[in-house]
Amino acid sequence: MCRNITTLRGLEPAATPEEVEAAARQFVRKVTGVQATSAATHEPVERAVAEVAAIVTRLLAELPDRRRPPATVPPLRRPEVRARLGMEPFDAGEPEDGAGHDRAHPHDHDHPHAHPHDHAHPDHAHPHTHEPAPA
């Protein structure tokens, strides 16, 4: 059971690359049993995390919008988790289009209007976030 992986589809604002990577890292840890990398496991684990994150990013972009956001707040949006990891507070403000929607990510709503903006996820450069494994 991957109880530490939260639903990313339908978040408002949309899941960040940091959140996608954290979920990918939890998945890779779970399926490999590798909680802390060694010289022998670092490269293959990091490559797997990057590949899983890329797949999840594409999948989230291709799925239809959700009617409701997920009930669980992802860990990297929780102030106590960000403080424990020495991260800045989560900034929910992202660039928006004129209709108040994030241009780069899918969004969740129930109102009838066209969305001319692209839902593609651009490649973002971001630092690797290493959330400690649960005890």
C-alpha atoms as a PDB file:
ATOM      1  CA  MET A   1       0.000   0.000   0.000  1.00  0.00           C
ATOM      2  CA  CYS A   2       1.407   3.397  -1.009  1.00  0.00           C
ATOM      3  CA  ARG A   3      -0.311   5.451   1.649  1.00  0.00           C
ATOM      4  CA  ASN A   4       2.137   8.334   1.195  1.00  0.00           C
ATOM      5  CA  ILE A   5       1.246   8.936  -2.446  1.00  0.00           C
ATOM      6  CA  THR A   6      -1.634  11.390  -2.670  1.00  0.00           C
ATOM      7  CA  THR A   7      -3.907  12.098  -5.619  1.00  0.00           C
ATOM      8  CA  LEU A   8      -2.423  14.826  -7.794  1.00  0.00           C
ATOM      9  CA  ARG A   9      -5.068  15.011 -10.509  1.00  0.00           C
ATOM     10  CA  GLY A  10      -7.466  17.900 -10.018  1.00  0.00           C
ATOM     11  CA  LEU A  11      -5.445  19.892  -7.512  1.00  0.00           C
ATOM     12  CA  GLU A  12      -6.030  23.636  -7.461  1.00  0.00           C
ATOM     13  CA  PRO A  13      -3.545  24.966  -8.318  1.00  0.00           C
ATOM     14  CA  ALA A  14      -2.367  22.064 -10.440  1.00  0.00           C
ATOM     15  CA  ALA A  15       0.288  19.665  -9.163  1.00  0.00           C
ATOM     16  CA  THR A  16       3.742  21.174  -9.289  1.00  0.00           C
ATOM     17  CA  PRO A  17       6.754  19.389 -10.777  1.00  0.00           C
ATOM     18  CA  GLU A  18       8.044  19.122  -7.192  1.00  0.00           C
ATOM     19  CA  GLU A  19       4.856  17.273  -6.111  1.00  0.00           C
ATOM     20  CA  VAL A  20       4.965  14.974  -9.131  1.00  0.00           C
ATOM     21  CA  GLU A  21       8.589  14.131  -8.382  1.00  0.00           C
ATOM     22  CA  ALA A  22       7.814  13.451  -4.705  1.00  0.00           C
ATOM     23  CA  ALA A  23       5.044  11.024  -5.714  1.00  0.00           C
ATOM     24  CA  ALA A  24       7.357   9.362  -8.259  1.00  0.00           C
ATOM     25  CA  ARG A  25      10.064   9.023  -5.591  1.00  0.00           C
ATOM     26  CA  GLN A  26       7.613   7.395  -3.153  1.00  0.00           C
ATOM     27  CA  PHE A  27       6.486   4.969  -5.858  1.00  0.00           C
ATOM     28  CA  VAL A  28      10.058   4.022  -6.763  1.00  0.00           C
ATOM     29  CA  ARG A  29      10.957   3.576  -3.080  1.00  0.00           C
ATOM     30  CA  LYS A  30       7.961   1.327  -2.545  1.00  0.00           C
ATOM     31  CA  VAL A  31       8.449  -0.943  -5.555  1.00  0.00           C
ATOM     32  CA  THR A  32      12.233  -1.263  -5.094  1.00  0.00           C
ATOM     33  CA  GLY A  33      12.440  -1.352  -1.323  1.00  0.00           C
ATOM     34  CA  VAL A  34      15.290   1.180  -1.563  1.00  0.00           C
ATOM     35  CA  GLN A  35      14.663   3.864   1.044  1.00  0.00           C
ATOM     36  CA  ALA A  36      18.138   5.422   0.965  1.00  0.00           C
ATOM     37  CA  THR A  37      20.340   5.168  -2.086  1.00  0.00           C
ATOM     38  CA  SER A  38      23.903   3.911  -2.082  1.00  0.00           C
ATOM     39  CA  ALA A  39      26.621   4.330  -4.686  1.00  0.00           C
ATOM     40  CA  ALA A  40      25.267   1.216  -6.407  1.00  0.00           C
ATOM     41  CA  THR A  41      21.599   2.280  -6.384  1.00  0.00           C
ATOM     42  CA  HIS A  42      21.713   6.095  -6.749  1.00  0.00           C
ATOM     43  CA  GLU A  43      21.856   6.363 -10.557  1.00  0.00           C
ATOM     44  CA  PRO A  44      19.203   3.750 -11.413  1.00  0.00           C
ATOM     45  CA  VAL A  45      16.844   5.061  -8.712  1.00  0.00           C
ATOM     46  CA  GLU A  46      17.211   8.690  -9.844  1.00  0.00           C
ATOM     47  CA  ARG A  47      16.690   7.655 -13.478  1.00  0.00           C
ATOM     48  CA  ALA A  48      13.542   5.721 -12.505  1.00  0.00           C
ATOM     49  CA  VAL A  49      12.204   8.693 -10.510  1.00  0.00           C
ATOM     50  CA  ALA A  50      12.724  10.998 -13.517  1.00  0.00           C
ATOM     51  CA  GLU A  51      11.033   8.541 -15.891  1.00  0.00           C
ATOM     52  CA  VAL A  52       8.049   7.939 -13.596  1.00  0.00           C
ATOM     53  CA  ALA A  53       7.684  11.710 -13.039  1.00  0.00           C
ATOM     54  CA  ALA A  54       7.681  12.314 -16.814  1.00  0.00           C
ATOM     55  CA  ILE A  55       5.033   9.645 -17.330  1.00  0.00           C
ATOM     56  CA  VAL A  56       2.852  11.033 -14.533  1.00  0.00           C
ATOM     57  CA  THR A  57       3.196  14.577 -15.906  1.00  0.00           C
ATOM     58  CA  ARG A  58       2.047  13.423 -19.356  1.00  0.00           C
ATOM     59  CA  LEU A  59      -0.772  11.361 -17.857  1.00  0.00           C
ATOM     60  CA  LEU A  60      -2.104  14.248 -15.760  1.00  0.00           C
ATOM     61  CA  ALA A  61      -2.037  16.529 -18.808  1.00  0.00           C
ATOM     62  CA  GLU A  62      -3.950  13.996 -20.923  1.00  0.00           C
ATOM     63  CA  LEU A  63      -6.683  13.036 -18.454  1.00  0.00           C
ATOM     64  CA  PRO A  64      -9.970  14.969 -18.447  1.00  0.00           C
ATOM     65  CA  ASP A  65     -10.580  17.533 -15.725  1.00  0.00           C
ATOM     66  CA  ARG A  66     -12.007  16.334 -12.411  1.00  0.00           C
ATOM     67  CA  ARG A  67     -15.280  17.728 -11.144  1.00  0.00           C
ATOM     68  CA  ARG A  68     -13.891  18.042  -7.607  1.00  0.00           C
ATOM     69  CA  PRO A  69     -10.372  18.404  -6.278  1.00  0.00           C
ATOM     70  CA  PRO A  70      -8.993  15.475  -4.257  1.00  0.00           C
ATOM     71  CA  ALA A  71      -9.894  15.397  -0.570  1.00  0.00           C
ATOM     72  CA  THR A  72      -6.302  14.929   0.624  1.00  0.00           C
ATOM     73  CA  VAL A  73      -3.814  17.787   0.595  1.00  0.00           C
ATOM     74  CA  PRO A  74      -0.456  16.631  -0.807  1.00  0.00           C
ATOM     75  CA  PRO A  75       2.345  16.641   1.775  1.00  0.00           C
ATOM     76  CA  LEU A  76       4.399  19.289  -0.031  1.00  0.00           C
ATOM     77  CA  ARG A  77       1.501  21.744   0.400  1.00  0.00           C
ATOM     78  CA  ARG A  78       1.401  21.244   4.175  1.00  0.00           C
ATOM     79  CA  PRO A  79       3.292  23.915   6.136  1.00  0.00           C
ATOM     80  CA  GLU A  80       4.595  21.449   8.747  1.00  0.00           C
ATOM     81  CA  VAL A  81       6.090  19.176   6.060  1.00  0.00           C
ATOM     82  CA  ARG A  82       7.692  22.075   4.179  1.00  0.00           C
ATOM     83  CA  ALA A  83       9.144  23.409   7.449  1.00  0.00           C
ATOM     84  CA  ARG A  84      10.541  19.973   8.358  1.00  0.00           C
ATOM     85  CA  LEU A  85      12.207  19.752   4.938  1.00  0.00           C
ATOM     86  CA  GLY A  86      13.586  23.305   5.166  1.00  0.00           C
ATOM     87  CA  MET A  87      11.455  24.474   2.213  1.00  0.00           C
ATOM     88  CA  GLU A  88       9.788  27.823   1.595  1.00  0.00           C
ATOM     89  CA  PRO A  89       6.009  27.965   2.225  1.00  0.00           C
ATOM     90  CA  PHE A  90       3.847  26.666  -0.634  1.00  0.00           C
ATOM     91  CA  ASP A  91       2.894  29.456  -3.026  1.00  0.00           C
ATOM     92  CA  ALA A  92      -0.529  28.776  -4.522  1.00  0.00           C
ATOM     93  CA  GLY A  93      -0.228  31.737  -6.878  1.00  0.00           C
ATOM     94  CA  GLU A  94       0.829  30.795 -10.410  1.00  0.00           C
ATOM     95  CA  PRO A  95       0.643  32.681 -13.708  1.00  0.00           C
ATOM     96  CA  GLU A  96      -2.908  32.788 -14.967  1.00  0.00           C
ATOM     97  CA  ASP A  97      -4.698  33.659 -18.160  1.00  0.00           C
ATOM     98  CA  GLY A  98      -7.374  36.346 -18.357  1.00  0.00           C
ATOM     99  CA  ALA A  99     -10.091  33.942 -17.170  1.00  0.00           C
ATOM    100  CA  GLY A 100      -8.241  33.237 -13.916  1.00  0.00           C
ATOM    101  CA  HIS A 101      -6.941  29.822 -14.962  1.00  0.00           C
ATOM    102  CA  ASP A 102      -3.449  28.473 -14.792  1.00  0.00           C
ATOM    103  CA  ARG A 103      -2.172  28.388 -18.372  1.00  0.00           C
ATOM    104  CA  ALA A 104       0.303  25.538 -18.051  1.00  0.00           C
ATOM    105  CA  HIS A 105      -1.697  22.951 -16.136  1.00  0.00           C
ATOM    106  CA  PRO A 106      -5.112  21.304 -16.280  1.00  0.00           C
ATOM    107  CA  HIS A 107      -7.699  22.694 -13.925  1.00  0.00           C
ATOM    108  CA  ASP A 108     -10.949  21.613 -12.343  1.00  0.00           C
ATOM    109  CA  HIS A 109     -14.194  23.475 -12.746  1.00  0.00           C
ATOM    110  CA  ASP A 110     -17.789  23.146 -13.855  1.00  0.00           C
ATOM    111  CA  HIS A 111     -18.443  26.145 -16.032  1.00  0.00           C
ATOM    112  CA  PRO A 112     -19.176  26.112 -19.757  1.00  0.00           C
ATOM    113  CA  HIS A 113     -16.593  28.075 -21.670  1.00  0.00           C
ATOM    114  CA  ALA A 114     -13.845  27.264 -24.095  1.00  0.00           C
ATOM    115  CA  HIS A 115     -10.253  27.165 -22.992  1.00  0.00           C
ATOM    116  CA  PRO A 116      -7.966  28.269 -25.795  1.00  0.00           C
ATOM    117  CA  HIS A 117      -4.861  27.872 -23.675  1.00  0.00           C
ATOM    118  CA  ASP A 118      -2.572  24.902 -23.890  1.00  0.00           C
ATOM    119  CA  HIS A 119      -2.673  22.307 -21.104  1.00  0.00           C
ATOM    120  CA  ALA A 120       0.822  20.999 -21.855  1.00  0.00           C
ATOM    121  CA  HIS A 121       3.258  20.805 -18.980  1.00  0.00           C
ATOM    122  CA  PRO A 122       6.480  22.584 -19.882  1.00  0.00           C
ATOM    123  CA  ASP A 123       9.734  21.094 -18.746  1.00  0.00           C
ATOM    124  CA  HIS A 124      10.672  22.746 -15.492  1.00  0.00           C
ATOM    125  CA  ALA A 125      14.101  22.801 -13.972  1.00  0.00           C
ATOM    126  CA  HIS A 126      13.670  22.061 -10.291  1.00  0.00           C
ATOM    127  CA  PRO A 127      15.719  20.770  -7.401  1.00  0.00           C
ATOM    128  CA  HIS A 128      15.206  17.229  -6.228  1.00  0.00           C
ATOM    129  CA  THR A 129      13.112  17.070  -3.100  1.00  0.00           C
ATOM    130  CA  HIS A 130      13.877  14.231  -0.761  1.00  0.00           C
ATOM    131  CA  GLU A 131      11.126  13.712   1.752  1.00  0.00           C
ATOM    132  CA  PRO A 132      12.250  11.348   4.503  1.00  0.00           C
ATOM    133  CA  ALA A 133      10.807   7.862   4.355  1.00  0.00           C
ATOM    134  CA  PRO A 134       8.093   7.178   6.940  1.00  0.00           C
ATOM    135  CA  ALA A 135       9.249   5.512  10.114  1.00  0.00           C
END
